[in-house]
PDB file of N, CA and C in Angstrom:
ATOM      1  N   CYS A   1      -3.231  -2.986   5.350  1.00  0.00           N
ATOM      2  CA  CYS A   1      -2.525  -2.054   6.004  1.00  0.00           C
ATOM      3  C   CYS A   1      -1.011  -2.594   5.797  1.00  0.00           C
ATOM      4  N   VAL A   2      -0.077  -1.836   5.234  1.00  0.00           N
ATOM      5  CA  VAL A   2       1.140  -2.620   5.470  1.00  0.00           C
ATOM      6  C   VAL A   2       1.446  -3.008   6.814  1.00  0.00           C
ATOM      7  N   CYS A   3       1.130  -2.706   8.128  1.00  0.00           N
ATOM      8  CA  CYS A   3       1.952  -3.218   8.823  1.00  0.00           C
ATOM      9  C   CYS A   3       1.347  -4.776   8.988  1.00  0.00           C
ATOM     10  N   GLU A   4      -0.134  -4.827   7.890  1.00  0.00           N
ATOM     11  CA  GLU A   4      -0.640  -5.997   8.154  1.00  0.00           C
ATOM     12  C   GLU A   4      -0.029  -7.328   7.364  1.00  0.00           C
ATOM     13  N   LEU A   5       0.325  -6.389   5.662  1.00  0.00           N
ATOM     14  CA  LEU A   5       1.417  -7.449   5.341  1.00  0.00           C
ATOM     15  C   LEU A   5       3.302  -7.868   5.938  1.00  0.00           C
ATOM     16  N   GLU A   6       3.277  -6.457   6.177  1.00  0.00           N
ATOM     17  CA  GLU A   6       4.624  -7.245   7.291  1.00  0.00           C
ATOM     18  C   GLU A   6       5.196  -8.324   7.201  1.00  0.00           C
ATOM     19  N   THR A   7       3.821  -8.950   8.283  1.00  0.00           N
ATOM     20  CA  THR A   7       3.571 -10.052   9.079  1.00  0.00           C
ATOM     21  C   THR A   7       3.328 -11.193   7.915  1.00  0.00           C
ATOM     22  N   ILE A   8       2.528 -10.923   6.741  1.00  0.00           N
ATOM     23  CA  ILE A   8       1.717 -12.376   6.065  1.00  0.00           C
ATOM     24  C   ILE A   8       3.682 -12.629   5.093  1.00  0.00           C
ATOM     25  N   LEU A   9       3.741 -11.403   4.642  1.00  0.00           N
ATOM     26  CA  LEU A   9       4.989 -11.872   4.053  1.00  0.00           C
ATOM     27  C   LEU A   9       6.985 -11.490   4.647  1.00  0.00           C
ATOM     28  N   ASN A  10       6.789 -11.337   5.782  1.00  0.00           N
ATOM     29  CA  ASN A  10       8.534 -11.656   6.527  1.00  0.00           C
ATOM     30  C   ASN A  10       8.375 -10.724   5.848  1.00  0.00           C
ATOM     31  N   LYS A  11       8.823  -8.660   5.377  1.00  0.00           N
ATOM     32  CA  LYS A  11       8.891  -7.651   5.052  1.00  0.00           C
ATOM     33  C   LYS A  11       9.567  -6.472   5.450  1.00  0.00           C
ATOM     34  N   SER A  12      10.234  -6.209   5.584  1.00  0.00           N
ATOM     35  CA  SER A  12       9.650  -5.264   6.224  1.00  0.00           C
ATOM     36  C   SER A  12       9.487  -4.050   5.221  1.00  0.00           C
ATOM     37  N   GLN A  13       8.472  -3.272   7.140  1.00  0.00           N
ATOM     38  CA  GLN A  13       7.570  -1.985   6.530  1.00  0.00           C
ATOM     39  C   GLN A  13       7.835  -0.515   5.546  1.00  0.00           C
ATOM     40  N   SER A  14       8.941  -0.245   5.366  1.00  0.00           N
ATOM     41  CA  SER A  14       9.710  -0.184   4.118  1.00  0.00           C
ATOM     42  C   SER A  14       9.833  -0.853   2.724  1.00  0.00           C
ATOM     43  N   THR A  15      10.862  -1.693   2.687  1.00  0.00           N
ATOM     44  CA  THR A  15      10.505  -2.745   1.907  1.00  0.00           C
ATOM     45  C   THR A  15       9.154  -2.521   1.402  1.00  0.00           C
ATOM     46  N   ILE A  16       8.020  -2.485   2.316  1.00  0.00           N
ATOM     47  CA  ILE A  16       6.827  -2.737   1.440  1.00  0.00           C
ATOM     48  C   ILE A  16       6.092  -2.219   0.719  1.00  0.00           C
ATOM     49  N   SER A  17       5.975  -0.718   1.553  1.00  0.00           N
ATOM     50  CA  SER A  17       5.705   0.305   1.464  1.00  0.00           C
ATOM     51  C   SER A  17       6.712   1.173  -0.059  1.00  0.00           C
ATOM     52  N   HIS A  18       8.490   0.592  -0.343  1.00  0.00           N
ATOM     53  CA  HIS A  18       9.067   0.757  -1.865  1.00  0.00           C
ATOM     54  C   HIS A  18       8.012   0.343  -2.576  1.00  0.00           C
ATOM     55  N   HIS A  19       7.362  -1.241  -2.662  1.00  0.00           N
ATOM     56  CA  HIS A  19       7.251  -1.838  -3.631  1.00  0.00           C
ATOM     57  C   HIS A  19       6.103  -0.933  -3.350  1.00  0.00           C
ATOM     58  N   LEU A  20       4.581  -1.417  -2.900  1.00  0.00           N
ATOM     59  CA  LEU A  20       3.455  -0.144  -2.795  1.00  0.00           C
ATOM     60  C   LEU A  20       3.607   0.899  -3.744  1.00  0.00           C
ATOM     61  N   ARG A  21       5.188   1.581  -3.706  1.00  0.00           N
ATOM     62  CA  ARG A  21       4.668   3.049  -4.311  1.00  0.00           C
ATOM     63  C   ARG A  21       5.084   2.898  -5.469  1.00  0.00           C
ATOM     64  N   LYS A  22       5.827   2.047  -5.778  1.00  0.00           N
ATOM     65  CA  LYS A  22       6.122   1.191  -6.913  1.00  0.00           C
ATOM     66  C   LYS A  22       5.041   0.534  -8.186  1.00  0.00           C
ATOM     67  N   LEU A  23       3.984  -0.132  -7.742  1.00  0.00           N
ATOM     68  CA  LEU A  23       2.908  -0.290  -8.443  1.00  0.00           C
ATOM     69  C   LEU A  23       1.641   0.690  -7.626  1.00  0.00           C
ATOM     70  N   VAL A  24       1.327   1.420  -7.127  1.00  0.00           N
ATOM     71  CA  VAL A  24       1.215   3.604  -6.956  1.00  0.00           C
ATOM     72  C   VAL A  24       1.513   4.089  -8.066  1.00  0.00           C
ATOM     73  N   VAL A  25       2.342   4.341  -8.814  1.00  0.00           N
ATOM     74  CA  VAL A  25       3.266   5.150  -9.752  1.00  0.00           C
ATOM     75  C   VAL A  25       3.097   3.805 -11.479  1.00  0.00           C
ATOM     76  N   ALA A  26       3.811   3.431 -11.337  1.00  0.00           N
ATOM     77  CA  ALA A  26       2.369   2.401 -12.144  1.00  0.00           C
ATOM     78  C   ALA A  26       1.160   2.256 -12.521  1.00  0.00           C
ATOM     79  N   GLY A  27       0.087   2.941 -11.902  1.00  0.00           N
ATOM     80  CA  GLY A  27      -1.060   2.806 -11.878  1.00  0.00           C
ATOM     81  C   GLY A  27      -1.956   1.601 -11.774  1.00  0.00           C
ATOM     82  N   LEU A  28      -0.624   0.926 -11.065  1.00  0.00           N
ATOM     83  CA  LEU A  28      -1.941  -0.449 -10.424  1.00  0.00           C
ATOM     84  C   LEU A  28      -2.836  -0.763  -9.533  1.00  0.00           C
ATOM     85  N   ILE A  29      -2.551  -0.263  -8.625  1.00  0.00           N
ATOM     86  CA  ILE A  29      -3.014   0.197  -7.265  1.00  0.00           C
ATOM     87  C   ILE A  29      -2.804   1.811  -7.180  1.00  0.00           C
ATOM     88  N   GLN A  30      -4.270   1.852  -5.969  1.00  0.00           N
ATOM     89  CA  GLN A  30      -4.391   3.265  -5.636  1.00  0.00           C
ATOM     90  C   GLN A  30      -4.253   3.676  -4.430  1.00  0.00           C
ATOM     91  N   GLY A  31      -3.693   4.492  -3.485  1.00  0.00           N
ATOM     92  CA  GLY A  31      -3.777   4.158  -2.344  1.00  0.00           C
ATOM     93  C   GLY A  31      -4.027   5.754  -1.560  1.00  0.00           C
ATOM     94  N   TYR A  32      -4.774   6.175  -0.665  1.00  0.00           N
ATOM     95  CA  TYR A  32      -5.795   6.484   0.203  1.00  0.00           C
ATOM     96  C   TYR A  32      -5.886   6.662   1.547  1.00  0.00           C
ATOM     97  N   LYS A  33      -5.158   7.537   2.265  1.00  0.00           N
ATOM     98  CA  LYS A  33      -5.463   8.122   3.520  1.00  0.00           C
ATOM     99  C   LYS A  33      -7.045   7.421   4.604  1.00  0.00           C
ATOM    100  N   LYS A  34      -6.756   6.350   5.245  1.00  0.00           N
ATOM    101  CA  LYS A  34      -7.175   5.697   5.873  1.00  0.00           C
ATOM    102  C   LYS A  34      -8.270   6.605   7.242  1.00  0.00           C
ATOM    103  N   GLN A  35      -7.172   6.774   7.762  1.00  0.00           N
ATOM    104  CA  GLN A  35      -6.970   7.753   9.542  1.00  0.00           C
ATOM    105  C   GLN A  35      -5.769   9.333   8.831  1.00  0.00           C
ATOM    106  N   LYS A  36      -5.886   9.734  10.972  1.00  0.00           N
ATOM    107  CA  LYS A  36      -5.549  11.207   9.970  1.00  0.00           C
ATOM    108  C   LYS A  36      -3.695  10.853  11.446  1.00  0.00           C
ATOM    109  N   TYR A  37      -5.334  10.439  12.896  1.00  0.00           N
ATOM    110  CA  TYR A  37      -3.929   9.855  13.233  1.00  0.00           C
ATOM    111  C   TYR A  37      -4.187   7.847  14.441  1.00  0.00           C
ATOM    112  N   PRO A  38      -3.534   7.096  13.990  1.00  0.00           N
ATOM    113  CA  PRO A  38      -2.635   7.310  13.875  1.00  0.00           C
ATOM    114  C   PRO A  38      -2.214   7.472  12.783  1.00  0.00           C
ATOM    115  N   PRO A  39      -1.273   7.691  12.032  1.00  0.00           N
ATOM    116  CA  PRO A  39      -1.039   7.194  10.038  1.00  0.00           C
ATOM    117  C   PRO A  39      -1.414   6.263   9.683  1.00  0.00           C
ATOM    118  N   SER A  40      -2.337   6.284   8.547  1.00  0.00           N
ATOM    119  CA  SER A  40      -2.893   4.285   7.857  1.00  0.00           C
ATOM    120  C   SER A  40      -3.444   4.995   6.726  1.00  0.00           C
ATOM    121  N   ASN A  41      -2.669   4.455   5.732  1.00  0.00           N
ATOM    122  CA  ASN A  41      -3.005   3.866   4.442  1.00  0.00           C
ATOM    123  C   ASN A  41      -3.426   3.311   3.769  1.00  0.00           C
ATOM    124  N   SER A  42      -4.412   2.791   3.344  1.00  0.00           N
ATOM    125  CA  SER A  42      -5.369   1.356   2.231  1.00  0.00           C
ATOM    126  C   SER A  42      -4.526   1.889   0.963  1.00  0.00           C
ATOM    127  N   TYR A  43      -4.264   0.616   0.700  1.00  0.00           N
ATOM    128  CA  TYR A  43      -4.143   1.081  -1.268  1.00  0.00           C
ATOM    129  C   TYR A  43      -5.768  -0.385  -1.353  1.00  0.00           C
ATOM    130  N   CYS A  44      -5.778  -0.285  -2.728  1.00  0.00           N
ATOM    131  CA  CYS A  44      -7.107  -1.513  -3.330  1.00  0.00           C
ATOM    132  C   CYS A  44      -5.886  -1.248  -4.891  1.00  0.00           C
ATOM    133  N   GLU A  45      -6.990  -2.234  -5.740  1.00  0.00           N
ATOM    134  CA  GLU A  45      -6.971  -2.115  -7.204  1.00  0.00           C
ATOM    135  C   GLU A  45      -7.276  -1.504  -7.643  1.00  0.00           C
ATOM    136  N   ASN A  46      -6.529  -0.747  -8.713  1.00  0.00           N
ATOM    137  CA  ASN A  46      -6.918   0.265  -9.186  1.00  0.00           C
ATOM    138  C   ASN A  46      -7.651  -0.127 -10.360  1.00  0.00           C
ATOM    139  N   LYS A  47      -9.215  -0.040 -10.937  1.00  0.00           N
ATOM    140  CA  LYS A  47      -9.915  -0.266 -11.454  1.00  0.00           C
ATOM    141  C   LYS A  47     -10.535  -0.158 -13.158  1.00  0.00           C
ATOM    142  N   SER A  48      -9.673   0.768 -12.597  1.00  0.00           N
ATOM    143  CA  SER A  48      -9.942   2.213 -13.686  1.00  0.00           C
ATOM    144  C   SER A  48      -9.071   1.711 -14.765  1.00  0.00           C
ATOM    145  N   GLN A  49      -7.542   1.146 -14.314  1.00  0.00           N
ATOM    146  CA  GLN A  49      -7.225   0.379 -15.459  1.00  0.00           C
ATOM    147  C   GLN A  49      -7.247  -0.682 -16.077  1.00  0.00           C
ATOM    148  N   PRO A  50      -7.264  -0.689 -17.763  1.00  0.00           N
ATOM    149  CA  PRO A  50      -7.731  -2.234 -18.381  1.00  0.00           C
ATOM    150  C   PRO A  50      -7.128  -3.202 -18.139  1.00  0.00           C
TER     151      PRO A  50
END
């Protein structure tokens, strides 16, 4: 959850989301919807990448 990373990294939600999006576009991680309400996205390593 991005909210957990906010605390660990001491960065804003928007900064973390921005960088997570770059990792998704690069194919390094995959994002998926964890639940519909409240909205929650999770990310995991893209194991299909060499």
